[in-house]
């Protein structure tokens, strides 16, 4: 490869990794803005620890599990066995991954490690306000060391789903629905927040503490998604990167319009949170096939995702009685599944056979993730416990878990109101 082209490719993947990194600030802002102020420090601490744990566990073993050298299609260790210990002067073997010679192993690790942490951040939103910090962080370690890289290797590592024909360009299933499955399992294990459902089962609104912060979080996520999807081209190819950035933008805008207008029509007043959820729904929906779609197809995928996220939030909250404070299950699981199926319905790979491959991938990854999260969740529940006690939940996890508060005067006078 031409050295100049190699340098440009490598630079773009590094920049894309930085963009994905900023998404963690977006998740932290969105989650803290959409939940009660008395839990803000706890949410910010969890999100800070997730990125730290994600990078370290990916270096320890996740990288080798997900991108193996000698691979049986289901599980292996061995992509770069000396990745942690090799010294820079002896790093010639780390210059180019065997599956793509356009960038270094170091760049590949940096980019992929940012993805790994994202999956656990999705779970954080679904369990906000009631999970024990220690139990959650132990789950994150297990999830990112074992579950996420194994299912990721089945497609991105050249495993059996990839060989079968399953396609997930940037992670509608491998990242978003994986995180969504985890959020769903733990929301069920924990039960709803205090005061979420009245004695007759009616859903009660628990307002978010800071809509400005939530909006900033969504725009940070949208900005970071340009690296999430654009970097997944795995080169700086002008045609493909520019197409991906356009389809990503179009789907996000279409999802925001669809969910915003639907909430306006159904609820008589436009709901900001639904519009924000719609933007993220469109992003999650386009992620599996962002490199395959025409502009009109990206818009249609976004519109459907915006409608789905609204319907999913209503059903999960009011019918199934599952408390998901930020809509993580709806945005990432429901719309991740839709986006994965859309690869077989639209774009260059459309066809019934491809729909079958996509469905098989969704089911295989979903089954493994649910089983893993359920096993870890039940083990934690029966040993350390998952949920904070009643008094701590009423007072707020900031005081109970951290002996701190994000908004001193507010928390001091309204400790139980959030």
Protein backbone atom coordinates (compact mmCIF):
# COMPACT_ATOMS: atom_id res chain seq x y z
CA UNK A 1 0.00 0.00 0.00
CA UNK A 2 1.14 3.54 -0.76
CA UNK A 3 2.69 4.99 2.44
CA UNK A 4 0.72 8.23 2.16
CA UNK A 5 -2.58 6.35 1.78
CA UNK A 6 -1.65 4.08 4.68
CA UNK A 7 -0.97 7.13 6.88
CA UNK A 8 -4.29 8.76 5.93
CA UNK A 9 -6.23 5.57 6.64
CA UNK A 10 -4.51 5.15 9.98
CA UNK A 11 -5.13 8.79 10.91
CA UNK A 12 -8.84 8.59 10.07
CA UNK A 13 -9.37 5.48 12.22
CA UNK A 14 -7.59 7.18 15.13
CA UNK A 15 -9.77 10.29 14.76
CA UNK A 16 -12.86 8.10 14.54
CA UNK A 17 -11.82 6.41 17.79
CA UNK A 18 -11.62 9.83 19.44
CA UNK A 19 -15.13 10.61 18.21
CA UNK A 20 -16.44 7.35 19.67
CA UNK A 21 -14.71 8.23 22.93
CA UNK A 22 -16.66 11.50 23.18
CA UNK A 23 -19.87 9.44 23.01
CA UNK A 24 -19.21 8.38 26.59
CA UNK A 25 -19.58 11.99 27.68
CA UNK A 26 -22.80 12.03 25.67
CA UNK A 27 -24.14 8.95 27.46
CA UNK A 28 -23.19 10.39 30.84
CA UNK A 29 -24.91 13.70 30.05
CA UNK A 30 -28.03 12.07 28.63
CA UNK A 31 -28.43 9.62 31.50
CA UNK A 32 -27.89 12.20 34.24
CA UNK A 33 -30.18 14.72 32.55
CA UNK A 34 -33.00 12.22 32.06
CA UNK A 35 -32.98 10.95 35.66
CA UNK A 36 -33.37 12.41 39.16
CA UNK A 37 -30.82 14.90 40.42
CA UNK A 38 -30.25 12.91 43.61
CA UNK A 39 -28.55 10.17 41.55
CA UNK A 40 -26.35 12.37 39.34
CA UNK A 41 -23.00 11.69 41.01
CA UNK A 42 -23.71 7.96 40.92
CA UNK A 43 -24.48 8.07 37.19
CA UNK A 44 -21.40 10.13 36.40
CA UNK A 45 -19.21 7.80 38.47
CA UNK A 46 -20.61 4.71 36.71
CA UNK A 47 -19.99 6.21 33.28
CA UNK A 48 -16.48 7.26 34.23
CA UNK A 49 -15.68 3.76 35.45
CA UNK A 50 -17.22 2.06 32.41
CA UNK A 51 -14.77 3.62 29.96
CA UNK A 52 -11.84 2.85 32.28
CA UNK A 53 -12.95 -0.76 32.75
CA UNK A 54 -13.72 -1.11 29.04
CA UNK A 55 -10.27 -0.04 27.87
CA UNK A 56 -8.41 -2.18 30.42
CA UNK A 57 -10.48 -5.35 29.96
CA UNK A 58 -10.24 -5.01 26.18
CA UNK A 59 -6.45 -4.82 26.48
CA UNK A 60 -6.36 -7.74 28.91
CA UNK A 61 -8.39 -10.20 26.87
CA UNK A 62 -11.28 -8.67 24.90
CA UNK A 63 -9.13 -7.74 21.91
CA UNK A 64 -7.76 -11.27 21.64
CA UNK A 65 -11.19 -12.87 21.99
CA UNK A 66 -12.87 -10.63 19.45
CA UNK A 67 -10.22 -10.57 16.73
CA UNK A 68 -8.60 -13.98 16.96
CA UNK A 69 -5.87 -15.45 14.83
CA UNK A 70 -6.54 -19.18 15.13
CA UNK A 71 -10.33 -19.21 15.42
CA UNK A 72 -12.85 -22.06 15.39
CA UNK A 73 -15.72 -19.72 14.61
CA UNK A 74 -17.14 -19.61 18.13
CA UNK A 75 -14.39 -18.82 20.64
CA UNK A 76 -10.62 -18.38 20.75
CA UNK A 77 -7.74 -16.53 22.34
CA UNK A 78 -4.87 -15.49 20.19
CA UNK A 79 -5.02 -12.49 17.85
CA UNK A 80 -1.97 -10.73 19.35
CA UNK A 81 -0.95 -12.78 22.36
CA UNK A 82 1.82 -10.37 23.31
CA UNK A 83 -0.19 -7.17 22.76
CA UNK A 84 0.23 -6.06 26.38
CA UNK A 85 3.88 -6.99 26.84
CA UNK A 86 5.52 -6.24 23.49
CA UNK A 87 7.88 -3.27 23.65
CA UNK A 88 7.61 -0.45 21.09
CA UNK A 89 11.00 -1.19 19.55
CA UNK A 90 9.90 -4.75 18.83
CA UNK A 91 6.44 -3.87 17.57
CA UNK A 92 6.91 -4.60 13.86
CA UNK A 93 4.42 -7.45 14.21
CA UNK A 94 1.84 -4.96 15.45
CA UNK A 95 2.02 -2.72 12.40
CA UNK A 96 -0.84 -4.26 10.45
CA UNK A 97 -3.70 -6.59 11.40
CA UNK A 98 -3.90 -9.69 9.23
CA UNK A 99 -7.46 -8.85 8.19
CA UNK A 100 -6.77 -5.21 7.18
CA UNK A 101 -3.40 -3.76 6.28
CA UNK A 102 -4.65 -0.18 6.26
CA UNK A 103 -3.74 0.68 9.85
CA UNK A 104 -1.77 -0.53 12.86
CA UNK A 105 -2.77 -3.01 15.55
CA UNK A 106 -2.50 -0.15 18.03
CA UNK A 107 -4.99 1.93 16.06
CA UNK A 108 -7.29 -1.06 15.72
CA UNK A 109 -7.22 -1.66 19.47
CA UNK A 110 -7.83 2.01 20.24
CA UNK A 111 -10.86 2.21 17.93
CA UNK A 112 -12.42 -1.10 18.99
CA UNK A 113 -11.92 -0.53 22.72
CA UNK A 114 -14.14 2.55 22.53
CA UNK A 115 -16.89 0.37 21.05
CA UNK A 116 -16.61 -2.21 23.80
CA UNK A 117 -17.30 0.24 26.59
CA UNK A 118 -20.36 1.61 24.76
CA UNK A 119 -22.30 -1.63 25.20
CA UNK A 120 -22.03 -1.47 29.00
CA UNK A 121 -22.94 2.21 29.05
CA UNK A 122 -26.27 1.32 27.45
CA UNK A 123 -27.00 -1.02 30.37
CA UNK A 124 -26.26 1.78 32.84
CA UNK A 125 -29.18 3.84 31.57
CA UNK A 126 -31.67 1.03 32.00
CA UNK A 127 -30.80 0.44 35.66
CA UNK A 128 -30.34 4.03 36.78
CA UNK A 129 -31.46 5.06 40.24
CA UNK A 130 -31.63 1.70 42.02
CA UNK A 131 -28.68 -0.61 41.38
CA UNK A 132 -25.79 -1.12 43.83
CA UNK A 133 -22.62 0.44 42.48
CA UNK A 134 -20.36 -2.49 43.40
CA UNK A 135 -22.67 -5.05 41.80
CA UNK A 136 -23.00 -3.00 38.63
CA UNK A 137 -19.26 -2.55 38.22
CA UNK A 138 -18.62 -6.28 38.70
CA UNK A 139 -21.20 -6.97 36.01
CA UNK A 140 -19.45 -4.51 33.69
CA UNK A 141 -16.13 -6.31 34.16
CA UNK A 142 -17.67 -9.69 33.35
CA UNK A 143 -19.75 -8.33 30.46
CA UNK A 144 -16.85 -6.61 28.74
CA UNK A 145 -14.29 -9.33 29.40
CA UNK A 146 -16.42 -12.23 28.19
CA UNK A 147 -19.86 -11.62 26.69
CA UNK A 148 -19.32 -8.65 24.38
CA UNK A 149 -16.09 -9.86 22.72
CA UNK A 150 -17.40 -13.40 22.19
CA UNK A 151 -20.54 -12.33 20.34
CA UNK A 152 -18.56 -9.65 18.52
CA UNK A 153 -16.12 -12.27 17.25
CA UNK A 154 -18.97 -14.23 15.66
CA UNK A 155 -19.27 -11.54 12.98
CA UNK A 156 -16.51 -8.93 13.15
CA UNK A 157 -13.89 -11.55 14.04
CA UNK A 158 -14.82 -13.74 11.07
CA UNK A 159 -16.84 -16.24 13.13
CA UNK A 160 -19.75 -18.46 12.18
CA UNK A 161 -22.27 -15.64 11.69
CA UNK A 162 -19.94 -13.84 9.32
CA UNK A 163 -19.32 -17.04 7.40
CA UNK A 164 -23.07 -17.67 7.22
CA UNK A 165 -23.74 -14.24 5.69
CA UNK A 166 -24.95 -12.14 8.65
CA UNK A 167 -24.04 -8.47 8.21
CA UNK A 168 -23.73 -5.73 10.83
CA UNK A 169 -21.63 -2.86 9.53
CA UNK A 170 -21.12 -0.86 12.73
CA UNK A 171 -23.07 -2.61 15.46
CA UNK A 172 -26.87 -2.30 15.47
CA UNK A 173 -26.83 -5.81 16.94
CA UNK A 174 -23.23 -6.36 18.04
CA UNK A 175 -23.16 -3.20 20.17
CA UNK A 176 -26.61 -1.66 20.53
CA UNK A 177 -28.90 -4.64 20.88
CA UNK A 178 -26.29 -6.39 23.05
CA UNK A 179 -26.41 -3.43 25.43
CA UNK A 180 -30.20 -3.33 25.11
CA UNK A 181 -30.54 -7.01 26.05
CA UNK A 182 -28.38 -6.38 29.11
CA UNK A 183 -30.49 -3.37 30.10
CA UNK A 184 -33.69 -5.40 29.72
CA UNK A 185 -32.45 -8.33 31.83
CA UNK A 186 -31.22 -6.14 34.65
CA UNK A 187 -34.31 -3.91 34.61
CA UNK A 188 -36.40 -7.04 35.11
CA UNK A 189 -34.16 -8.36 37.88
CA UNK A 190 -34.19 -5.03 39.71
CA UNK A 191 -37.83 -4.08 39.35
CA UNK A 192 -39.11 -0.51 38.96
CA UNK A 193 -37.95 2.54 40.88
CA UNK A 194 -39.91 3.54 43.96
CA UNK A 195 -42.96 5.55 42.95
CA UNK A 196 -42.82 4.54 39.29
CA UNK A 197 -46.10 2.61 39.41
CA UNK A 198 -49.15 3.43 41.50
CA UNK A 199 -51.06 0.81 43.50
CA UNK A 200 -53.38 0.24 40.54
CA UNK A 201 -50.42 -0.27 38.20
CA UNK A 202 -50.67 3.11 36.50
CA UNK A 203 -47.32 4.41 35.26
CA UNK A 204 -46.18 7.58 37.00
CA UNK A 205 -43.88 10.05 35.30
CA UNK A 206 -40.59 10.64 37.12
CA UNK A 207 -39.28 13.79 35.41
CA UNK A 208 -35.67 14.14 34.42
CA UNK A 209 -33.60 16.67 36.31
CA UNK A 210 -31.98 18.58 33.44
CA UNK A 211 -33.34 18.65 29.90
CA UNK A 212 -30.53 20.95 28.76
CA UNK A 213 -27.97 18.36 29.80
CA UNK A 214 -29.97 15.57 28.16
CA UNK A 215 -30.11 17.52 24.89
CA UNK A 216 -26.38 18.21 25.01
CA UNK A 217 -25.86 14.48 25.57
CA UNK A 218 -27.85 13.55 22.47
CA UNK A 219 -25.95 15.99 20.27
CA UNK A 220 -22.64 14.69 21.62
CA UNK A 221 -23.80 11.18 20.75
CA UNK A 222 -24.84 12.24 17.26
CA UNK A 223 -21.45 13.89 16.77
CA UNK A 224 -19.62 10.82 18.05
CA UNK A 225 -21.70 8.57 15.81
CA UNK A 226 -19.89 10.02 12.80
CA UNK A 227 -16.82 8.23 14.12
CA UNK A 228 -18.81 5.18 15.22
CA UNK A 229 -20.18 4.62 11.70
CA UNK A 230 -17.61 6.51 9.64
CA UNK A 231 -14.68 4.76 11.27
CA UNK A 232 -16.30 1.38 10.66
CA UNK A 233 -15.41 1.76 6.99
CA UNK A 234 -11.94 0.82 8.31
CA UNK A 235 -10.29 3.11 5.79
CA UNK A 236 -10.45 6.72 4.65
CA UNK A 237 -12.04 5.73 1.34
CA UNK A 238 -13.69 8.99 0.21
CA UNK A 239 -16.76 7.47 -1.43
CA UNK A 240 -17.73 5.09 1.36
CA UNK A 241 -16.94 7.39 4.30
CA UNK A 242 -18.89 10.27 2.79
CA UNK A 243 -21.86 7.97 2.04
CA UNK A 244 -21.85 6.68 5.61
CA UNK A 245 -21.75 10.16 7.11
CA UNK A 246 -24.70 11.21 4.95
CA UNK A 247 -26.85 8.14 5.66
CA UNK A 248 -26.07 8.50 9.38
CA UNK A 249 -27.18 12.15 9.35
CA UNK A 250 -30.31 11.46 7.29
CA UNK A 251 -31.48 8.59 9.51
CA UNK A 252 -30.92 10.57 12.71
CA UNK A 253 -32.82 13.59 11.39
CA UNK A 254 -35.67 11.43 10.09
CA UNK A 255 -35.95 9.56 13.39
CA UNK A 256 -36.07 12.80 15.36
CA UNK A 257 -38.78 14.27 13.12
CA UNK A 258 -40.87 11.08 13.22
CA UNK A 259 -40.78 10.63 17.00
CA UNK A 260 -41.21 14.35 17.68
CA UNK A 261 -44.25 14.71 15.42
CA UNK A 262 -45.77 11.45 16.63
CA UNK A 263 -45.55 12.56 20.25
CA UNK A 264 -47.07 15.91 19.29
CA UNK A 265 -49.98 14.18 17.57
CA UNK A 266 -50.58 11.47 20.17
CA UNK A 267 -49.95 13.48 23.33
CA UNK A 268 -51.26 16.88 22.08
CA UNK A 269 -47.98 18.54 23.10
CA UNK A 270 -44.53 17.99 21.53
CA UNK A 271 -42.32 15.94 23.86
CA UNK A 272 -38.63 16.89 23.83
CA UNK A 273 -37.55 13.55 25.28
CA UNK A 274 -39.34 11.68 22.48
CA UNK A 275 -37.66 13.84 19.84
CA UNK A 276 -34.27 13.14 21.42
CA UNK A 277 -35.05 9.43 21.63
CA UNK A 278 -36.07 9.52 17.97
CA UNK A 279 -32.70 10.94 16.93
CA UNK A 280 -30.91 8.14 18.75
CA UNK A 281 -33.36 5.60 17.36
CA UNK A 282 -32.55 6.68 13.82
CA UNK A 283 -28.84 6.41 14.57
CA UNK A 284 -29.23 2.94 16.05
CA UNK A 285 -31.36 1.86 13.12
CA UNK A 286 -28.96 2.93 10.36
CA UNK A 287 -25.83 1.56 12.03
CA UNK A 288 -26.09 -1.99 10.67
CA UNK A 289 -26.32 -0.92 7.03
CA UNK A 290 -25.03 2.64 6.83
CA UNK A 291 -22.66 1.71 3.99
CA UNK A 292 -25.35 0.00 1.92
CA UNK A 293 -28.23 2.46 1.77
CA UNK A 294 -29.33 5.18 -0.60
CA UNK A 295 -30.40 8.46 0.97
CA UNK A 296 -34.13 7.68 0.67
CA UNK A 297 -33.60 4.27 2.27
CA UNK A 298 -31.71 5.82 5.18
CA UNK A 299 -34.56 8.29 5.67
CA UNK A 300 -37.17 5.52 5.66
CA UNK A 301 -35.14 3.46 8.14
CA UNK A 302 -34.94 6.53 10.40
CA UNK A 303 -38.66 7.27 10.15
CA UNK A 304 -39.58 3.69 11.07
CA UNK A 305 -37.06 3.76 13.94
CA UNK A 306 -38.59 6.99 15.24
CA UNK A 307 -42.04 5.42 15.23
CA UNK A 308 -40.78 2.23 16.80
CA UNK A 309 -39.01 3.97 19.66
CA UNK A 310 -42.18 5.84 20.58
CA UNK A 311 -44.31 2.69 20.47
CA UNK A 312 -41.70 0.63 22.30
CA UNK A 313 -41.36 3.14 25.14
CA UNK A 314 -45.14 3.20 25.62
CA UNK A 315 -45.46 -0.61 25.56
CA UNK A 316 -42.49 -1.24 27.85
CA UNK A 317 -43.55 1.43 30.33
CA UNK A 318 -47.33 1.12 30.37
CA UNK A 319 -48.08 -2.44 29.24
CA UNK A 320 -45.11 -4.54 30.34
CA UNK A 321 -44.47 -2.37 33.43
CA UNK A 322 -40.70 -2.42 32.95
CA UNK A 323 -38.99 0.67 34.32
CA UNK A 324 -36.36 1.92 31.86
CA UNK A 325 -35.50 5.49 32.94
CA UNK A 326 -33.82 6.60 29.71
CA UNK A 327 -35.50 4.34 27.16
CA UNK A 328 -32.33 2.29 26.66
CA UNK A 329 -34.20 -0.89 25.70
CA UNK A 330 -36.35 0.92 23.15
CA UNK A 331 -33.56 2.97 21.59
CA UNK A 332 -30.87 0.31 21.46
CA UNK A 333 -32.62 -3.08 21.46
CA UNK A 334 -35.84 -2.39 19.57
CA UNK A 335 -34.22 -0.09 17.02
CA UNK A 336 -31.04 -2.17 16.86
CA UNK A 337 -33.13 -5.18 15.84
CA UNK A 338 -34.99 -3.06 13.29
CA UNK A 339 -31.76 -1.73 11.80
CA UNK A 340 -30.28 -5.22 11.55
CA UNK A 341 -33.36 -6.55 9.76
CA UNK A 342 -33.36 -3.50 7.48
CA UNK A 343 -30.13 -4.76 5.90
CA UNK A 344 -32.20 -7.55 4.35
CA UNK A 345 -35.06 -5.23 3.38
CA UNK A 346 -33.21 -2.30 1.79
CA UNK A 347 -29.93 -1.51 0.13
CA UNK A 348 -27.41 -3.59 -1.77
CA UNK A 349 -27.99 -6.84 0.14
CA UNK A 350 -31.80 -6.83 0.22
CA UNK A 351 -33.53 -10.21 -0.14
CA UNK A 352 -35.39 -12.85 1.82
CA UNK A 353 -32.26 -14.95 2.22
CA UNK A 354 -30.44 -12.01 3.79
CA UNK A 355 -33.40 -11.36 6.10
CA UNK A 356 -33.00 -14.95 7.29
CA UNK A 357 -29.29 -14.44 7.94
CA UNK A 358 -30.02 -11.23 9.84
CA UNK A 359 -32.70 -12.88 11.95
CA UNK A 360 -30.39 -15.79 12.77
CA UNK A 361 -27.71 -13.37 13.94
CA UNK A 362 -30.16 -11.42 16.09
CA UNK A 363 -31.41 -14.61 17.75
CA UNK A 364 -27.97 -16.14 18.32
CA UNK A 365 -26.44 -13.01 19.80
CA UNK A 366 -29.58 -12.21 21.78
CA UNK A 367 -29.82 -15.69 23.28
CA UNK A 368 -26.17 -15.72 24.37
CA UNK A 369 -26.32 -12.21 25.80
CA UNK A 370 -29.55 -12.81 27.73
CA UNK A 371 -28.24 -16.10 29.15
CA UNK A 372 -24.96 -14.50 30.19
CA UNK A 373 -26.56 -11.41 31.75
CA UNK A 374 -29.17 -13.51 33.53
CA UNK A 375 -26.52 -15.84 34.99
CA UNK A 376 -24.33 -12.98 36.18
CA UNK A 377 -27.30 -10.96 37.41
CA UNK A 378 -28.76 -13.82 39.44
CA UNK A 379 -25.35 -14.66 40.90
CA UNK A 380 -24.92 -11.08 42.04
CA UNK A 381 -28.49 -10.84 43.33
CA UNK A 382 -28.07 -13.96 45.44
CA UNK A 383 -24.68 -12.98 46.86
CA UNK A 384 -23.99 -9.25 47.04
CA UNK A 385 -27.47 -8.14 46.17
CA UNK A 386 -28.42 -5.96 43.19
CA UNK A 387 -30.64 -3.24 44.56
CA UNK A 388 -29.91 -0.57 47.13
CA UNK A 389 -32.15 -0.55 50.20
CA UNK A 390 -35.35 1.45 50.44
CA UNK A 391 -33.92 4.28 52.52
CA UNK A 392 -30.95 4.79 50.23
CA UNK A 393 -33.12 4.83 47.12
CA UNK A 394 -35.42 7.46 48.67
CA UNK A 395 -32.52 9.65 49.80
CA UNK A 396 -30.61 9.17 46.56
CA UNK A 397 -27.63 7.10 45.52
CA UNK A 398 -25.38 10.14 45.55
CA UNK A 399 -25.56 10.29 49.34
CA UNK A 400 -25.86 6.56 49.96
CA UNK A 401 -23.14 5.33 47.59
CA UNK A 402 -20.82 8.34 47.43
CA UNK A 403 -21.58 10.68 50.36
CA UNK A 404 -21.67 13.47 47.77
CA UNK A 405 -24.22 15.48 45.84
CA UNK A 406 -24.11 17.07 42.41
CA UNK A 407 -26.32 20.04 43.29
CA UNK A 408 -25.68 20.86 46.93
CA UNK A 409 -28.43 23.31 47.73
CA UNK A 410 -31.07 21.44 45.76
CA UNK A 411 -30.27 18.06 47.29
CA UNK A 412 -29.96 19.50 50.78
CA UNK A 413 -33.51 20.87 50.69
CA UNK A 414 -35.20 18.30 48.45
CA UNK A 415 -33.40 15.04 49.17
CA UNK A 416 -36.42 12.86 48.53
CA UNK A 417 -37.90 14.74 45.59
CA UNK A 418 -35.02 14.67 43.04
